[in-house]
Amino acid sequence: MMGSFSIWHWLIVLVIVMLVFGTKKLGNMGSDIGKAVKGFKDGVKGDEDKPATPAAPGTIDVDAKEKNKL
C-alpha cells in the first residue's frame, strides 16, 4: 500500500534529509519555526490578556482635554 511506510522508510528519509541540509541548518530551521509559532500565538492572544496601562503621572491626555472644551 502507498500510505503504510515502516519505521525503516522514515529513518532512511531522515538520513537523506540530514545529509542534504545538515544538522545545523535543520536546527536553525526548527528554532525559526518555533519562534514563528510562538509569535503567532502571542499575536492571536493580542491585547486581551494585557491590562490597559494608565498614563504616566504628569502626562496630559489631549483627547480628554479637548472633549472637556466641547
PDB file of N, CA and C in Angstrom:
ATOM      1  N   MET A   1       0.837  -1.189   0.000  1.00  0.00           N
ATOM      2  CA  MET A   1       0.000   0.000   0.000  1.00  0.00           C
ATOM      3  C   MET A   1       0.875   1.244   0.000  1.00  0.00           C
ATOM      4  N   MET A   2       0.320   2.339  -0.470  1.00  0.00           N
ATOM      5  CA  MET A   2       1.078   3.586  -0.579  1.00  0.00           C
ATOM      6  C   MET A   2       1.255   4.278   0.777  1.00  0.00           C
ATOM      7  N   GLY A   3       0.242   4.236   1.611  1.00  0.00           N
ATOM      8  CA  GLY A   3       0.285   5.005   2.846  1.00  0.00           C
ATOM      9  C   GLY A   3       0.913   4.299   4.031  1.00  0.00           C
ATOM     10  N   SER A   4       1.304   3.046   3.889  1.00  0.00           N
ATOM     11  CA  SER A   4       1.838   2.325   5.037  1.00  0.00           C
ATOM     12  C   SER A   4       3.360   2.195   4.935  1.00  0.00           C
ATOM     13  N   PHE A   5       4.045   3.233   5.397  1.00  0.00           N
ATOM     14  CA  PHE A   5       5.504   3.203   5.431  1.00  0.00           C
ATOM     15  C   PHE A   5       5.957   2.654   6.773  1.00  0.00           C
ATOM     16  N   SER A   6       6.993   1.854   6.765  1.00  0.00           N
ATOM     17  CA  SER A   6       7.517   1.311   8.010  1.00  0.00           C
ATOM     18  C   SER A   6       8.500   2.315   8.623  1.00  0.00           C
ATOM     19  N   ILE A   7       8.953   2.030   9.810  1.00  0.00           N
ATOM     20  CA  ILE A   7       9.906   2.889  10.500  1.00  0.00           C
ATOM     21  C   ILE A   7      11.203   2.992   9.711  1.00  0.00           C
ATOM     22  N   TRP A   8      11.558   1.936   8.989  1.00  0.00           N
ATOM     23  CA  TRP A   8      12.808   1.956   8.213  1.00  0.00           C
ATOM     24  C   TRP A   8      12.728   2.956   7.069  1.00  0.00           C
ATOM     25  N   HIS A   9      11.562   3.080   6.457  1.00  0.00           N
ATOM     26  CA  HIS A   9      11.393   4.072   5.396  1.00  0.00           C
ATOM     27  C   HIS A   9      11.619   5.484   5.943  1.00  0.00           C
ATOM     28  N   TRP A  10      11.021   5.764   7.101  1.00  0.00           N
ATOM     29  CA  TRP A  10      11.148   7.095   7.693  1.00  0.00           C
ATOM     30  C   TRP A  10      12.578   7.379   8.140  1.00  0.00           C
ATOM     31  N   LEU A  11      13.274   6.370   8.657  1.00  0.00           N
ATOM     32  CA  LEU A  11      14.671   6.564   9.057  1.00  0.00           C
ATOM     33  C   LEU A  11      15.559   6.874   7.851  1.00  0.00           C
ATOM     34  N   ILE A  12      15.330   6.181   6.735  1.00  0.00           N
ATOM     35  CA  ILE A  12      16.102   6.449   5.522  1.00  0.00           C
ATOM     36  C   ILE A  12      15.827   7.862   5.014  1.00  0.00           C
ATOM     37  N   VAL A  13      14.570   8.270   5.038  1.00  0.00           N
ATOM     38  CA  VAL A  13      14.223   9.632   4.619  1.00  0.00           C
ATOM     39  C   VAL A  13      14.895  10.654   5.534  1.00  0.00           C
ATOM     40  N   LEU A  14      14.884  10.400   6.820  1.00  0.00           N
ATOM     41  CA  LEU A  14      15.515  11.312   7.775  1.00  0.00           C
ATOM     42  C   LEU A  14      17.017  11.427   7.527  1.00  0.00           C
ATOM     43  N   VAL A  15      17.676  10.315   7.273  1.00  0.00           N
ATOM     44  CA  VAL A  15      19.115  10.328   7.000  1.00  0.00           C
ATOM     45  C   VAL A  15      19.413  11.126   5.725  1.00  0.00           C
ATOM     46  N   ILE A  16      18.606  10.932   4.698  1.00  0.00           N
ATOM     47  CA  ILE A  16      18.819  11.671   3.443  1.00  0.00           C
ATOM     48  C   ILE A  16      18.616  13.166   3.657  1.00  0.00           C
ATOM     49  N   VAL A  17      17.589  13.536   4.390  1.00  0.00           N
ATOM     50  CA  VAL A  17      17.339  14.960   4.662  1.00  0.00           C
ATOM     51  C   VAL A  17      18.493  15.552   5.452  1.00  0.00           C
ATOM     52  N   MET A  18      19.017  14.805   6.425  1.00  0.00           N
ATOM     53  CA  MET A  18      20.144  15.315   7.215  1.00  0.00           C
ATOM     54  C   MET A  18      21.399  15.462   6.357  1.00  0.00           C
ATOM     55  N   LEU A  19      21.604  14.541   5.420  1.00  0.00           N
ATOM     56  CA  LEU A  19      22.759  14.649   4.536  1.00  0.00           C
ATOM     57  C   LEU A  19      22.632  15.845   3.593  1.00  0.00           C
ATOM     58  N   VAL A  20      21.428  16.113   3.126  1.00  0.00           N
ATOM     59  CA  VAL A  20      21.219  17.214   2.180  1.00  0.00           C
ATOM     60  C   VAL A  20      21.333  18.558   2.891  1.00  0.00           C
ATOM     61  N   PHE A  21      20.638  18.722   4.004  1.00  0.00           N
ATOM     62  CA  PHE A  21      20.573  20.026   4.668  1.00  0.00           C
ATOM     63  C   PHE A  21      21.616  20.203   5.759  1.00  0.00           C
ATOM     64  N   GLY A  22      22.033  19.165   6.404  1.00  0.00           N
ATOM     65  CA  GLY A  22      22.952  19.275   7.528  1.00  0.00           C
ATOM     66  C   GLY A  22      22.196  19.507   8.817  1.00  0.00           C
ATOM     67  N   THR A  23      22.773  19.038   9.918  1.00  0.00           N
ATOM     68  CA  THR A  23      22.069  19.128  11.196  1.00  0.00           C
ATOM     69  C   THR A  23      21.974  20.558  11.704  1.00  0.00           C
ATOM     70  N   LYS A  24      22.989  21.384  11.433  1.00  0.00           N
ATOM     71  CA  LYS A  24      22.968  22.753  11.921  1.00  0.00           C
ATOM     72  C   LYS A  24      21.856  23.557  11.251  1.00  0.00           C
ATOM     73  N   LYS A  25      21.720  23.385   9.960  1.00  0.00           N
ATOM     74  CA  LYS A  25      20.680  24.121   9.240  1.00  0.00           C
ATOM     75  C   LYS A  25      19.294  23.647   9.663  1.00  0.00           C
ATOM     76  N   LEU A  26      19.138  22.336   9.880  1.00  0.00           N
ATOM     77  CA  LEU A  26      17.851  21.816  10.347  1.00  0.00           C
ATOM     78  C   LEU A  26      17.513  22.363  11.728  1.00  0.00           C
ATOM     79  N   GLY A  27      18.511  22.470  12.608  1.00  0.00           N
ATOM     80  CA  GLY A  27      18.277  23.030  13.941  1.00  0.00           C
ATOM     81  C   GLY A  27      17.866  24.487  13.873  1.00  0.00           C
ATOM     82  N   ASN A  28      18.510  25.249  12.990  1.00  0.00           N
ATOM     83  CA  ASN A  28      18.147  26.651  12.818  1.00  0.00           C
ATOM     84  C   ASN A  28      16.734  26.787  12.272  1.00  0.00           C
ATOM     85  N   MET A  29      16.386  25.938  11.315  1.00  0.00           N
ATOM     86  CA  MET A  29      15.034  25.990  10.753  1.00  0.00           C
ATOM     87  C   MET A  29      14.001  25.640  11.818  1.00  0.00           C
ATOM     88  N   GLY A  30      14.319  24.659  12.656  1.00  0.00           N
ATOM     89  CA  GLY A  30      13.403  24.270  13.721  1.00  0.00           C
ATOM     90  C   GLY A  30      13.183  25.381  14.726  1.00  0.00           C
ATOM     91  N   SER A  31      14.265  26.062  15.107  1.00  0.00           N
ATOM     92  CA  SER A  31      14.109  27.153  16.076  1.00  0.00           C
ATOM     93  C   SER A  31      13.373  28.332  15.453  1.00  0.00           C
ATOM     94  N   ASP A  32      13.602  28.594  14.173  1.00  0.00           N
ATOM     95  CA  ASP A  32      12.879  29.677  13.498  1.00  0.00           C
ATOM     96  C   ASP A  32      11.388  29.380  13.423  1.00  0.00           C
ATOM     97  N   ILE A  33      11.060  28.138  13.127  1.00  0.00           N
ATOM     98  CA  ILE A  33       9.641  27.757  13.065  1.00  0.00           C
ATOM     99  C   ILE A  33       9.013  27.867  14.451  1.00  0.00           C
ATOM    100  N   GLY A  34       9.744  27.453  15.487  1.00  0.00           N
ATOM    101  CA  GLY A  34       9.232  27.569  16.858  1.00  0.00           C
ATOM    102  C   GLY A  34       8.977  29.009  17.255  1.00  0.00           C
ATOM    103  N   LYS A  35       9.900  29.902  16.888  1.00  0.00           N
ATOM    104  CA  LYS A  35       9.716  31.329  17.188  1.00  0.00           C
ATOM    105  C   LYS A  35       8.521  31.892  16.429  1.00  0.00           C
ATOM    106  N   ALA A  36       8.346  31.465  15.181  1.00  0.00           N
ATOM    107  CA  ALA A  36       7.221  31.951  14.381  1.00  0.00           C
ATOM    108  C   ALA A  36       5.894  31.499  14.974  1.00  0.00           C
ATOM    109  N   VAL A  37       5.831  30.244  15.424  1.00  0.00           N
ATOM    110  CA  VAL A  37       4.600  29.733  16.028  1.00  0.00           C
ATOM    111  C   VAL A  37       4.301  30.474  17.327  1.00  0.00           C
ATOM    112  N   LYS A  38       5.330  30.704  18.137  1.00  0.00           N
ATOM    113  CA  LYS A  38       5.140  31.431  19.398  1.00  0.00           C
ATOM    114  C   LYS A  38       4.683  32.864  19.134  1.00  0.00           C
ATOM    115  N   GLY A  39       5.284  33.514  18.142  1.00  0.00           N
ATOM    116  CA  GLY A  39       4.871  34.867  17.781  1.00  0.00           C
ATOM    117  C   GLY A  39       3.438  34.900  17.287  1.00  0.00           C
ATOM    118  N   PHE A  40       3.044  33.890  16.517  1.00  0.00           N
ATOM    119  CA  PHE A  40       1.670  33.815  16.028  1.00  0.00           C
ATOM    120  C   PHE A  40       0.690  33.649  17.180  1.00  0.00           C
ATOM    121  N   LYS A  41       1.032  32.767  18.128  1.00  0.00           N
ATOM    122  CA  LYS A  41       0.149  32.556  19.283  1.00  0.00           C
ATOM    123  C   LYS A  41       0.014  33.837  20.105  1.00  0.00           C
ATOM    124  N   ASP A  42       1.138  34.536  20.305  1.00  0.00           N
ATOM    125  CA  ASP A  42       1.088  35.789  21.052  1.00  0.00           C
ATOM    126  C   ASP A  42       0.263  36.831  20.298  1.00  0.00           C
ATOM    127  N   GLY A  43       0.359  36.842  18.981  1.00  0.00           N
ATOM    128  CA  GLY A  43      -0.415  37.781  18.175  1.00  0.00           C
ATOM    129  C   GLY A  43      -1.897  37.481  18.221  1.00  0.00           C
ATOM    130  N   VAL A  44      -2.248  36.205  18.273  1.00  0.00           N
ATOM    131  CA  VAL A  44      -3.656  35.832  18.347  1.00  0.00           C
ATOM    132  C   VAL A  44      -4.233  36.232  19.691  1.00  0.00           C
ATOM    133  N   LYS A  45      -3.451  36.037  20.759  1.00  0.00           N
ATOM    134  CA  LYS A  45      -3.911  36.455  22.087  1.00  0.00           C
ATOM    135  C   LYS A  45      -4.128  37.957  22.108  1.00  0.00           C
ATOM    136  N   GLY A  46      -3.204  38.690  21.484  1.00  0.00           N
ATOM    137  CA  GLY A  46      -3.334  40.133  21.352  1.00  0.00           C
ATOM    138  C   GLY A  46      -3.366  40.858  22.675  1.00  0.00           C
ATOM    139  N   ASP A  47      -4.217  41.850  22.721  1.00  0.00           N
ATOM    140  CA  ASP A  47      -4.309  42.708  23.889  1.00  0.00           C
ATOM    141  C   ASP A  47      -5.345  42.214  24.887  1.00  0.00           C
ATOM    142  N   GLU A  48      -5.936  41.045  24.636  1.00  0.00           N
ATOM    143  CA  GLU A  48      -6.956  40.534  25.548  1.00  0.00           C
ATOM    144  C   GLU A  48      -6.404  40.278  26.939  1.00  0.00           C
ATOM    145  N   ASP A  49      -5.202  39.732  27.007  1.00  0.00           N
ATOM    146  CA  ASP A  49      -4.620  39.370  28.296  1.00  0.00           C
ATOM    147  C   ASP A  49      -3.939  40.536  28.991  1.00  0.00           C
ATOM    148  N   LYS A  50      -3.564  41.561  28.226  1.00  0.00           N
ATOM    149  CA  LYS A  50      -2.823  42.675  28.800  1.00  0.00           C
ATOM    150  C   LYS A  50      -3.791  43.727  29.339  1.00  0.00           C
ATOM    151  N   PRO A  51      -3.635  44.129  30.589  1.00  0.00           N
ATOM    152  CA  PRO A  51      -4.487  45.200  31.107  1.00  0.00           C
ATOM    153  C   PRO A  51      -4.091  46.532  30.478  1.00  0.00           C
ATOM    154  N   ALA A  52      -5.045  47.415  30.392  1.00  0.00           N
ATOM    155  CA  ALA A  52      -4.763  48.731  29.828  1.00  0.00           C
ATOM    156  C   ALA A  52      -3.811  49.471  30.762  1.00  0.00           C
ATOM    157  N   THR A  53      -2.754  50.034  30.214  1.00  0.00           N
ATOM    158  CA  THR A  53      -1.779  50.746  31.034  1.00  0.00           C
ATOM    159  C   THR A  53      -2.237  52.185  31.197  1.00  0.00           C
ATOM    160  N   PRO A  54      -2.339  52.655  32.422  1.00  0.00           N
ATOM    161  CA  PRO A  54      -2.744  54.046  32.630  1.00  0.00           C
ATOM    162  C   PRO A  54      -1.618  54.987  32.198  1.00  0.00           C
ATOM    163  N   ALA A  55      -1.991  56.217  31.905  1.00  0.00           N
ATOM    164  CA  ALA A  55      -0.998  57.217  31.504  1.00  0.00           C
ATOM    165  C   ALA A  55      -0.054  57.484  32.671  1.00  0.00           C
ATOM    166  N   ALA A  56       1.169  57.764  32.336  1.00  0.00           N
ATOM    167  CA  ALA A  56       2.161  58.055  33.368  1.00  0.00           C
ATOM    168  C   ALA A  56       1.792  59.359  34.080  1.00  0.00           C
ATOM    169  N   PRO A  57       2.129  59.483  35.379  1.00  0.00           N
ATOM    170  CA  PRO A  57       1.817  60.713  36.103  1.00  0.00           C
ATOM    171  C   PRO A  57       2.528  61.901  35.451  1.00  0.00           C
ATOM    172  N   GLY A  58       1.825  63.009  35.377  1.00  0.00           N
ATOM    173  CA  GLY A  58       2.423  64.210  34.805  1.00  0.00           C
ATOM    174  C   GLY A  58       2.164  64.351  33.315  1.00  0.00           C
ATOM    175  N   THR A  59       1.506  63.368  32.690  1.00  0.00           N
ATOM    176  CA  THR A  59       1.189  63.489  31.271  1.00  0.00           C
ATOM    177  C   THR A  59      -0.228  63.992  31.112  1.00  0.00           C
ATOM    178  N   ILE A  60      -0.474  64.628  30.001  1.00  0.00           N
ATOM    179  CA  ILE A  60      -1.783  65.201  29.737  1.00  0.00           C
ATOM    180  C   ILE A  60      -2.427  64.415  28.604  1.00  0.00           C
ATOM    181  N   ASP A  61      -3.661  63.985  28.827  1.00  0.00           N
ATOM    182  CA  ASP A  61      -4.405  63.297  27.784  1.00  0.00           C
ATOM    183  C   ASP A  61      -5.067  64.349  26.914  1.00  0.00           C
ATOM    184  N   VAL A  62      -4.525  64.534  25.719  1.00  0.00           N
ATOM    185  CA  VAL A  62      -5.000  65.594  24.836  1.00  0.00           C
ATOM    186  C   VAL A  62      -6.445  65.351  24.429  1.00  0.00           C
ATOM    187  N   ASP A  63      -6.822  64.122  24.154  1.00  0.00           N
ATOM    188  CA  ASP A  63      -8.199  63.823  23.748  1.00  0.00           C
ATOM    189  C   ASP A  63      -9.185  64.186  24.846  1.00  0.00           C
ATOM    190  N   ALA A  64      -8.877  63.849  26.075  1.00  0.00           N
ATOM    191  CA  ALA A  64      -9.765  64.157  27.189  1.00  0.00           C
ATOM    192  C   ALA A  64      -9.849  65.662  27.394  1.00  0.00           C
ATOM    193  N   LYS A  65      -8.764  66.371  27.219  1.00  0.00           N
ATOM    194  CA  LYS A  65      -8.755  67.820  27.406  1.00  0.00           C
ATOM    195  C   LYS A  65      -9.637  68.488  26.340  1.00  0.00           C
ATOM    196  N   GLU A  66      -9.567  68.015  25.090  1.00  0.00           N
ATOM    197  CA  GLU A  66     -10.382  68.589  24.036  1.00  0.00           C
ATOM    198  C   GLU A  66     -11.850  68.251  24.216  1.00  0.00           C
ATOM    199  N   LYS A  67     -12.177  67.094  24.754  1.00  0.00           N
ATOM    200  CA  LYS A  67     -13.582  66.719  24.995  1.00  0.00           C
ATOM    201  C   LYS A  67     -14.195  67.634  26.052  1.00  0.00           C
ATOM    202  N   ASN A  68     -13.401  68.055  27.024  1.00  0.00           N
ATOM    203  CA  ASN A  68     -13.913  68.928  28.072  1.00  0.00           C
ATOM    204  C   ASN A  68     -14.255  70.302  27.528  1.00  0.00           C
ATOM    205  N   LYS A  69     -13.586  70.748  26.493  1.00  0.00           N
ATOM    206  CA  LYS A  69     -13.844  72.052  25.906  1.00  0.00           C
ATOM    207  C   LYS A  69     -15.174  72.057  25.176  1.00  0.00           C
ATOM    208  N   LEU A  70     -15.579  70.923  24.640  1.00  0.00           N
ATOM    209  CA  LEU A  70     -16.832  70.873  23.871  1.00  0.00           C
ATOM    210  C   LEU A  70     -17.960  70.927  24.810  1.00  0.00           C
TER     211      LEU A  70
END
